[in-house]
Amino acid sequence: MFIRYKNLTIRNAVSADAEQLCAWWNDGKVMAHAGFPNGVGCTPEEIRESLASDRDESHRRHIIELDGTPIGEMNYRNKEGAAELGIKICDFTRQEKGYGTELLTVFIDALFCYYGYEKMILDTNLKNERAQHVYEKKLGFRRVGIETDAWQDQLGEWNSIVNYEMSKADWLASRRELPDYICNIPESVSE
């Protein structure tokens, strides 16, 4: 996948991105929300091997760029026909500027309209009120439940999560005027 909107780009993560992903994933500040306040502890080689298994049909990791500079990552995973989404703006100076909403808008639209998914699902930490606001108020996701004490982080602290979903029909019905964006997808997906 390759999406360009304004000065933002979403592109498939490739082997050459392993060093950058490793730096982000080993940074406890970046990964704390995902349960890794001490970082993941991975190597670039492990990431390269993992990226080699990415497939449009099952799961794919993406790099987010602002003016050609990596600022974060997005991903989707096929969960029984629903796309499970994830996003991290890893450059803290680029957070709270509306990029996440813009990126998710074009990403979701591409997954529904080009990749044929019928439903999007995601979750976020119950403490992450900023993400909940974006998912519910700006993107139109429906809160479907809260899982109390769903998982423990590296420090043994229990965390609760909020689960969300959105159907393709709901997306198309409530879709605001979408910005013009360029989306190049592999022929195997568009056939």
C-alpha atoms as a PDB file:
ATOM      1  CA  MET A   1       0.000   0.000   0.000  1.00  0.00           C
ATOM      2  CA  PHE A   2       1.116   3.510  -0.733  1.00  0.00           C
ATOM      3  CA  ILE A   3      -1.074   6.449   0.266  1.00  0.00           C
ATOM      4  CA  ARG A   4      -0.175  10.097  -0.109  1.00  0.00           C
ATOM      5  CA  TYR A   5      -2.298  12.871   1.355  1.00  0.00           C
ATOM      6  CA  LYS A   6      -0.948  16.425   1.542  1.00  0.00           C
ATOM      7  CA  ASN A   7       2.542  16.047   3.039  1.00  0.00           C
ATOM      8  CA  LEU A   8       1.733  12.696   4.693  1.00  0.00           C
ATOM      9  CA  THR A   9       2.644   9.278   3.318  1.00  0.00           C
ATOM     10  CA  ILE A  10       1.644   5.784   4.425  1.00  0.00           C
ATOM     11  CA  ARG A  11       3.806   3.114   2.822  1.00  0.00           C
ATOM     12  CA  ASN A  12       4.630  -0.532   3.394  1.00  0.00           C
ATOM     13  CA  ALA A  13       7.412  -1.040   5.915  1.00  0.00           C
ATOM     14  CA  VAL A  14      10.426  -2.673   4.266  1.00  0.00           C
ATOM     15  CA  SER A  15      13.693  -4.203   5.420  1.00  0.00           C
ATOM     16  CA  ALA A  16      15.432  -0.816   5.263  1.00  0.00           C
ATOM     17  CA  ASP A  17      13.018   0.447   7.971  1.00  0.00           C
ATOM     18  CA  ALA A  18      14.190  -2.123  10.530  1.00  0.00           C
ATOM     19  CA  GLU A  19      16.656   0.244  12.241  1.00  0.00           C
ATOM     20  CA  GLN A  20      14.011   2.943  12.694  1.00  0.00           C
ATOM     21  CA  LEU A  21      11.365   0.481  13.909  1.00  0.00           C
ATOM     22  CA  CYS A  22      13.901  -1.027  16.298  1.00  0.00           C
ATOM     23  CA  ALA A  23      14.691   2.410  17.743  1.00  0.00           C
ATOM     24  CA  TRP A  24      10.998   3.115  18.298  1.00  0.00           C
ATOM     25  CA  TRP A  25      10.129  -0.341  19.657  1.00  0.00           C
ATOM     26  CA  ASN A  26      13.046  -0.305  22.096  1.00  0.00           C
ATOM     27  CA  ASP A  27      12.079   3.139  23.419  1.00  0.00           C
ATOM     28  CA  GLY A  28      10.014   2.666  26.570  1.00  0.00           C
ATOM     29  CA  LYS A  29       8.386   6.090  26.212  1.00  0.00           C
ATOM     30  CA  VAL A  30       7.078   5.187  22.756  1.00  0.00           C
ATOM     31  CA  MET A  31       5.983   1.677  23.752  1.00  0.00           C
ATOM     32  CA  ALA A  32       4.616   2.251  27.275  1.00  0.00           C
ATOM     33  CA  HIS A  33       0.995   2.465  26.060  1.00  0.00           C
ATOM     34  CA  ALA A  34       1.404  -0.986  24.477  1.00  0.00           C
ATOM     35  CA  GLY A  35       2.660  -2.537  27.710  1.00  0.00           C
ATOM     36  CA  PHE A  36       6.396  -2.168  27.178  1.00  0.00           C
ATOM     37  CA  PRO A  37       7.599   0.714  29.390  1.00  0.00           C
ATOM     38  CA  ASN A  38      11.102  -0.766  29.134  1.00  0.00           C
ATOM     39  CA  GLY A  39      10.899  -1.183  25.360  1.00  0.00           C
ATOM     40  CA  VAL A  40      10.453  -4.424  23.444  1.00  0.00           C
ATOM     41  CA  GLY A  41      14.108  -5.475  23.393  1.00  0.00           C
ATOM     42  CA  CYS A  42      14.260  -6.438  19.714  1.00  0.00           C
ATOM     43  CA  THR A  43      17.037  -6.298  17.138  1.00  0.00           C
ATOM     44  CA  PRO A  44      16.952  -4.923  13.597  1.00  0.00           C
ATOM     45  CA  GLU A  45      17.545  -8.436  12.257  1.00  0.00           C
ATOM     46  CA  GLU A  46      14.503  -9.788  14.139  1.00  0.00           C
ATOM     47  CA  ILE A  47      12.419  -6.981  12.667  1.00  0.00           C
ATOM     48  CA  ARG A  48      13.714  -7.665   9.137  1.00  0.00           C
ATOM     49  CA  GLU A  49      12.731 -11.326   9.505  1.00  0.00           C
ATOM     50  CA  SER A  50       9.303 -10.369  10.816  1.00  0.00           C
ATOM     51  CA  LEU A  51       8.703  -7.842   8.015  1.00  0.00           C
ATOM     52  CA  ALA A  52       9.480 -10.537   5.455  1.00  0.00           C
ATOM     53  CA  SER A  53       6.300 -12.343   6.552  1.00  0.00           C
ATOM     54  CA  ASP A  54       4.018  -9.334   5.966  1.00  0.00           C
ATOM     55  CA  ARG A  55       1.282 -10.043   3.407  1.00  0.00           C
ATOM     56  CA  ASP A  56      -1.569  -7.819   2.270  1.00  0.00           C
ATOM     57  CA  GLU A  57      -4.009 -10.702   2.839  1.00  0.00           C
ATOM     58  CA  SER A  58      -3.037 -11.339   6.480  1.00  0.00           C
ATOM     59  CA  HIS A  59      -1.143  -8.434   8.047  1.00  0.00           C
ATOM     60  CA  ARG A  60       0.963  -5.494   6.988  1.00  0.00           C
ATOM     61  CA  ARG A  61       3.049  -2.897   8.815  1.00  0.00           C
ATOM     62  CA  HIS A  62       3.405   0.605   7.407  1.00  0.00           C
ATOM     63  CA  ILE A  63       5.665   3.583   7.939  1.00  0.00           C
ATOM     64  CA  ILE A  64       4.124   7.031   8.345  1.00  0.00           C
ATOM     65  CA  GLU A  65       6.124   9.877   6.855  1.00  0.00           C
ATOM     66  CA  LEU A  66       5.725  13.626   7.167  1.00  0.00           C
ATOM     67  CA  ASP A  67       7.535  15.485   4.394  1.00  0.00           C
ATOM     68  CA  GLY A  68       9.502  12.302   3.689  1.00  0.00           C
ATOM     69  CA  THR A  69      10.660  11.797   7.296  1.00  0.00           C
ATOM     70  CA  PRO A  70       9.401   8.786   9.289  1.00  0.00           C
ATOM     71  CA  ILE A  71       7.297   9.875  12.269  1.00  0.00           C
ATOM     72  CA  GLY A  72       5.434   6.687  13.169  1.00  0.00           C
ATOM     73  CA  GLU A  73       3.850   3.446  12.102  1.00  0.00           C
ATOM     74  CA  MET A  74       0.470   1.935  11.263  1.00  0.00           C
ATOM     75  CA  ASN A  75      -0.624  -1.626  10.735  1.00  0.00           C
ATOM     76  CA  TYR A  76      -3.570  -3.820  10.028  1.00  0.00           C
ATOM     77  CA  ARG A  77      -4.204  -7.484  10.685  1.00  0.00           C
ATOM     78  CA  ASN A  78      -6.912  -9.602   9.077  1.00  0.00           C
ATOM     79  CA  LYS A  79      -9.071 -10.956  11.925  1.00  0.00           C
ATOM     80  CA  GLU A  80     -11.661 -13.222  10.300  1.00  0.00           C
ATOM     81  CA  GLY A  81     -12.423 -10.666   7.596  1.00  0.00           C
ATOM     82  CA  ALA A  82     -12.196  -7.589   9.810  1.00  0.00           C
ATOM     83  CA  ALA A  83      -9.171  -5.307   9.707  1.00  0.00           C
ATOM     84  CA  GLU A  84      -7.701  -4.767  13.165  1.00  0.00           C
ATOM     85  CA  LEU A  85      -5.930  -1.403  13.143  1.00  0.00           C
ATOM     86  CA  GLY A  86      -3.000   0.041  15.018  1.00  0.00           C
ATOM     87  CA  ILE A  87      -1.259   3.415  14.858  1.00  0.00           C
ATOM     88  CA  LYS A  88       1.579   5.112  16.714  1.00  0.00           C
ATOM     89  CA  ILE A  89       2.882   8.604  16.093  1.00  0.00           C
ATOM     90  CA  CYS A  90       6.320   7.870  17.538  1.00  0.00           C
ATOM     91  CA  ASP A  91       7.777  11.368  17.139  1.00  0.00           C
ATOM     92  CA  PHE A  92       6.280  13.115  20.171  1.00  0.00           C
ATOM     93  CA  THR A  93       6.697  16.555  18.557  1.00  0.00           C
ATOM     94  CA  ARG A  94       4.250  15.438  15.845  1.00  0.00           C
ATOM     95  CA  GLN A  95       1.494  14.313  18.222  1.00  0.00           C
ATOM     96  CA  GLU A  96      -1.697  16.301  18.839  1.00  0.00           C
ATOM     97  CA  LYS A  97      -1.475  18.033  15.461  1.00  0.00           C
ATOM     98  CA  GLY A  98      -4.313  16.139  13.758  1.00  0.00           C
ATOM     99  CA  TYR A  99      -2.059  13.814  11.760  1.00  0.00           C
ATOM    100  CA  GLY A 100      -3.466  10.681  13.390  1.00  0.00           C
ATOM    101  CA  THR A 101      -7.021  11.570  12.380  1.00  0.00           C
ATOM    102  CA  GLU A 102      -5.987  12.404   8.811  1.00  0.00           C
ATOM    103  CA  LEU A 103      -3.897   9.243   8.483  1.00  0.00           C
ATOM    104  CA  LEU A 104      -6.592   6.984   9.893  1.00  0.00           C
ATOM    105  CA  THR A 105      -9.239   8.559   7.645  1.00  0.00           C
ATOM    106  CA  VAL A 106      -7.409   7.725   4.418  1.00  0.00           C
ATOM    107  CA  PHE A 107      -6.124   4.377   5.764  1.00  0.00           C
ATOM    108  CA  ILE A 108      -9.623   3.221   6.772  1.00  0.00           C
ATOM    109  CA  ASP A 109     -11.085   4.404   3.491  1.00  0.00           C
ATOM    110  CA  ALA A 110      -8.454   2.478   1.513  1.00  0.00           C
ATOM    111  CA  LEU A 111      -9.008  -0.697   3.547  1.00  0.00           C
ATOM    112  CA  PHE A 112     -12.772  -0.513   3.005  1.00  0.00           C
ATOM    113  CA  CYS A 113     -12.817   0.677  -0.598  1.00  0.00           C
ATOM    114  CA  TYR A 114      -9.732  -0.941  -2.129  1.00  0.00           C
ATOM    115  CA  TYR A 115      -9.031  -3.939   0.076  1.00  0.00           C
ATOM    116  CA  GLY A 116     -12.646  -5.011   0.533  1.00  0.00           C
ATOM    117  CA  TYR A 117     -12.867  -5.202   4.313  1.00  0.00           C
ATOM    118  CA  GLU A 118     -16.392  -5.039   5.744  1.00  0.00           C
ATOM    119  CA  LYS A 119     -15.441  -4.098   9.309  1.00  0.00           C
ATOM    120  CA  MET A 120     -12.664  -2.286  11.200  1.00  0.00           C
ATOM    121  CA  ILE A 121     -11.813  -3.148  14.786  1.00  0.00           C
ATOM    122  CA  LEU A 122      -9.348  -1.672  17.230  1.00  0.00           C
ATOM    123  CA  ASP A 123      -8.706  -1.208  20.902  1.00  0.00           C
ATOM    124  CA  THR A 124      -6.937   1.303  23.081  1.00  0.00           C
ATOM    125  CA  ASN A 125      -5.912   1.615  26.685  1.00  0.00           C
ATOM    126  CA  LEU A 126      -8.764   2.870  28.871  1.00  0.00           C
ATOM    127  CA  LYS A 127      -6.417   5.628  30.089  1.00  0.00           C
ATOM    128  CA  ASN A 128      -5.805   6.889  26.535  1.00  0.00           C
ATOM    129  CA  GLU A 129      -8.615   9.432  26.408  1.00  0.00           C
ATOM    130  CA  ARG A 130      -7.062  11.292  23.461  1.00  0.00           C
ATOM    131  CA  ALA A 131      -7.288   8.173  21.265  1.00  0.00           C
ATOM    132  CA  GLN A 132     -10.845   7.466  22.446  1.00  0.00           C
ATOM    133  CA  HIS A 133     -11.884  10.981  21.410  1.00  0.00           C
ATOM    134  CA  VAL A 134     -10.391  10.506  17.934  1.00  0.00           C
ATOM    135  CA  TYR A 135     -11.935   7.060  17.433  1.00  0.00           C
ATOM    136  CA  GLU A 136     -15.409   7.989  18.669  1.00  0.00           C
ATOM    137  CA  LYS A 137     -15.904  11.671  17.848  1.00  0.00           C
ATOM    138  CA  LYS A 138     -13.732  12.203  14.786  1.00  0.00           C
ATOM    139  CA  LEU A 139     -13.833   8.839  13.024  1.00  0.00           C
ATOM    140  CA  GLY A 140     -17.192   7.394  14.098  1.00  0.00           C
ATOM    141  CA  PHE A 141     -16.090   4.136  15.717  1.00  0.00           C
ATOM    142  CA  ARG A 142     -18.618   2.523  18.039  1.00  0.00           C
ATOM    143  CA  ARG A 143     -17.480   1.493  21.511  1.00  0.00           C
ATOM    144  CA  VAL A 144     -18.416  -2.170  21.922  1.00  0.00           C
ATOM    145  CA  GLY A 145     -16.989  -2.929  25.337  1.00  0.00           C
ATOM    146  CA  ILE A 146     -14.409  -2.457  28.034  1.00  0.00           C
ATOM    147  CA  GLU A 147     -12.168  -5.271  29.197  1.00  0.00           C
ATOM    148  CA  THR A 148     -11.132  -4.564  32.770  1.00  0.00           C
ATOM    149  CA  ASP A 149      -7.654  -5.736  33.750  1.00  0.00           C
ATOM    150  CA  ALA A 150      -7.202  -7.272  30.295  1.00  0.00           C
ATOM    151  CA  TRP A 151      -3.405  -7.523  30.355  1.00  0.00           C
ATOM    152  CA  GLN A 152      -0.320  -6.850  32.441  1.00  0.00           C
ATOM    153  CA  ASP A 153       2.514  -4.646  31.280  1.00  0.00           C
ATOM    154  CA  GLN A 154       6.223  -5.340  31.820  1.00  0.00           C
ATOM    155  CA  LEU A 155       6.019  -3.860  35.307  1.00  0.00           C
ATOM    156  CA  GLY A 156       3.156  -6.144  36.317  1.00  0.00           C
ATOM    157  CA  GLU A 157       0.525  -3.389  36.259  1.00  0.00           C
ATOM    158  CA  TRP A 158      -2.931  -4.389  35.035  1.00  0.00           C
ATOM    159  CA  ASN A 159      -4.394  -2.418  32.143  1.00  0.00           C
ATOM    160  CA  SER A 160      -7.942  -2.153  30.848  1.00  0.00           C
ATOM    161  CA  ILE A 161      -8.873  -1.669  27.202  1.00  0.00           C
ATOM    162  CA  VAL A 162     -11.738  -0.171  25.214  1.00  0.00           C
ATOM    163  CA  ASN A 163     -12.834  -2.158  22.141  1.00  0.00           C
ATOM    164  CA  TYR A 164     -14.195  -0.447  19.028  1.00  0.00           C
ATOM    165  CA  GLU A 165     -15.666  -1.433  15.693  1.00  0.00           C
ATOM    166  CA  MET A 166     -17.024   0.198  12.571  1.00  0.00           C
ATOM    167  CA  SER A 167     -18.822  -1.420   9.642  1.00  0.00           C
ATOM    168  CA  LYS A 168     -18.223  -0.482   6.037  1.00  0.00           C
ATOM    169  CA  ALA A 169     -21.891   0.528   5.779  1.00  0.00           C
ATOM    170  CA  ASP A 170     -21.521   2.904   8.744  1.00  0.00           C
ATOM    171  CA  TRP A 171     -18.312   4.352   7.286  1.00  0.00           C
ATOM    172  CA  LEU A 172     -19.892   4.960   3.893  1.00  0.00           C
ATOM    173  CA  ALA A 173     -23.088   6.404   5.405  1.00  0.00           C
ATOM    174  CA  SER A 174     -21.324   8.830   7.741  1.00  0.00           C
ATOM    175  CA  ARG A 175     -18.326   9.546   5.571  1.00  0.00           C
ATOM    176  CA  ARG A 176     -17.526  13.167   5.554  1.00  0.00           C
ATOM    177  CA  GLU A 177     -16.162  14.611   2.378  1.00  0.00           C
ATOM    178  CA  LEU A 178     -12.976  12.667   1.961  1.00  0.00           C
ATOM    179  CA  PRO A 179      -9.827  14.497   1.058  1.00  0.00           C
ATOM    180  CA  ASP A 180      -8.231  13.751  -2.278  1.00  0.00           C
ATOM    181  CA  TYR A 181      -5.550  11.188  -1.719  1.00  0.00           C
ATOM    182  CA  ILE A 182      -3.438   8.950  -3.880  1.00  0.00           C
ATOM    183  CA  CYS A 183      -3.647   5.229  -3.149  1.00  0.00           C
ATOM    184  CA  ASN A 184      -1.532   2.719  -5.041  1.00  0.00           C
ATOM    185  CA  ILE A 185      -2.253  -0.891  -4.190  1.00  0.00           C
ATOM    186  CA  PRO A 186      -0.900  -4.152  -5.551  1.00  0.00           C
ATOM    187  CA  GLU A 187      -2.761  -5.533  -8.571  1.00  0.00           C
ATOM    188  CA  SER A 188      -3.516  -8.763  -6.710  1.00  0.00           C
ATOM    189  CA  VAL A 189      -5.659  -6.815  -4.243  1.00  0.00           C
ATOM    190  CA  SER A 190      -7.507  -4.711  -6.800  1.00  0.00           C
ATOM    191  CA  GLU A 191      -8.400  -7.587  -9.176  1.00  0.00           C
END
